[in-house]
Every structure is written in structure tokens, then in C-alpha cells.
């Protein structure tokens, strides 16, 4: 019983908190992707 309860509560909190975490991580990596993409674009343009 003690082993099942933490798994359920952990999964429950993961499910409830996953949406906010996914949105925040998505925006974070989206911003990083834009910066990296701009850097690669500038590098390719400057390289030519």
C-alpha cells in the first residue's frame, strides 16, 4: 500500500502540473530556438 500511494500522488501531481510546465518549457525552448535560428541564419548569410 505504501509503495502505490506515492506513485499515484506523484503521477497525479505530474498530470496536474504538467500543463503549466509544458507551456513554460515550450515558450522557453521556443525563445531559445528563435535565438539559435537567428544565429544560424546570420552565420549562414555572413558565411556566404
Protein backbone atom coordinates (compact mmCIF):
# COMPACT_ATOMS: atom_id res chain seq x y z
CA UNK A 1 0.00 0.00 0.00
CA UNK A 2 2.77 2.47 0.88
CA UNK A 3 4.50 1.89 -2.46
CA UNK A 4 1.35 2.53 -4.51
CA UNK A 5 0.31 5.74 -2.75
CA UNK A 6 3.45 7.83 -3.63
CA UNK A 7 3.27 6.62 -7.26
CA UNK A 8 -0.38 7.67 -7.55
CA UNK A 9 0.19 11.04 -5.86
CA UNK A 10 3.33 11.66 -7.91
CA UNK A 11 1.52 10.77 -11.14
CA UNK A 12 -1.44 12.89 -10.05
CA UNK A 13 0.77 15.92 -9.38
CA UNK A 14 2.63 15.30 -12.67
CA UNK A 15 -0.66 15.26 -14.58
CA UNK A 16 -1.95 18.39 -12.84
CA UNK A 17 1.32 20.34 -13.07
CA UNK A 18 2.34 19.03 -16.50
CA UNK A 19 0.26 21.57 -18.46
CA UNK A 20 1.89 24.63 -16.88
CA UNK A 21 5.34 23.03 -17.06
CA UNK A 22 4.85 22.07 -20.71
CA UNK A 23 3.65 25.58 -21.60
CA UNK A 24 6.56 27.25 -19.76
CA UNK A 25 9.14 24.85 -21.22
CA UNK A 26 7.56 25.23 -24.66
CA UNK A 27 7.83 29.02 -24.51
CA UNK A 28 11.37 28.77 -23.09
CA UNK A 29 12.61 26.43 -25.82
CA UNK A 30 10.65 28.36 -28.46
CA UNK A 31 12.56 31.51 -27.44
CA UNK A 32 15.86 29.62 -27.41
CA UNK A 33 15.01 28.15 -30.83
CA UNK A 34 14.35 31.63 -32.26
CA UNK A 35 17.68 32.92 -30.92
CA UNK A 36 19.57 29.86 -32.19
CA UNK A 37 17.77 30.01 -35.54
CA UNK A 38 18.62 33.69 -35.93
CA UNK A 39 22.24 32.94 -35.03
CA UNK A 40 22.44 30.13 -37.60
CA UNK A 41 20.76 32.32 -40.21
CA UNK A 42 23.21 35.17 -39.62
CA UNK A 43 26.12 32.71 -39.67
CA UNK A 44 24.98 31.21 -43.00
CA UNK A 45 24.37 34.66 -44.54
CA UNK A 46 27.70 36.01 -43.26
CA UNK A 47 29.47 32.80 -44.37
CA UNK A 48 28.34 33.32 -47.95
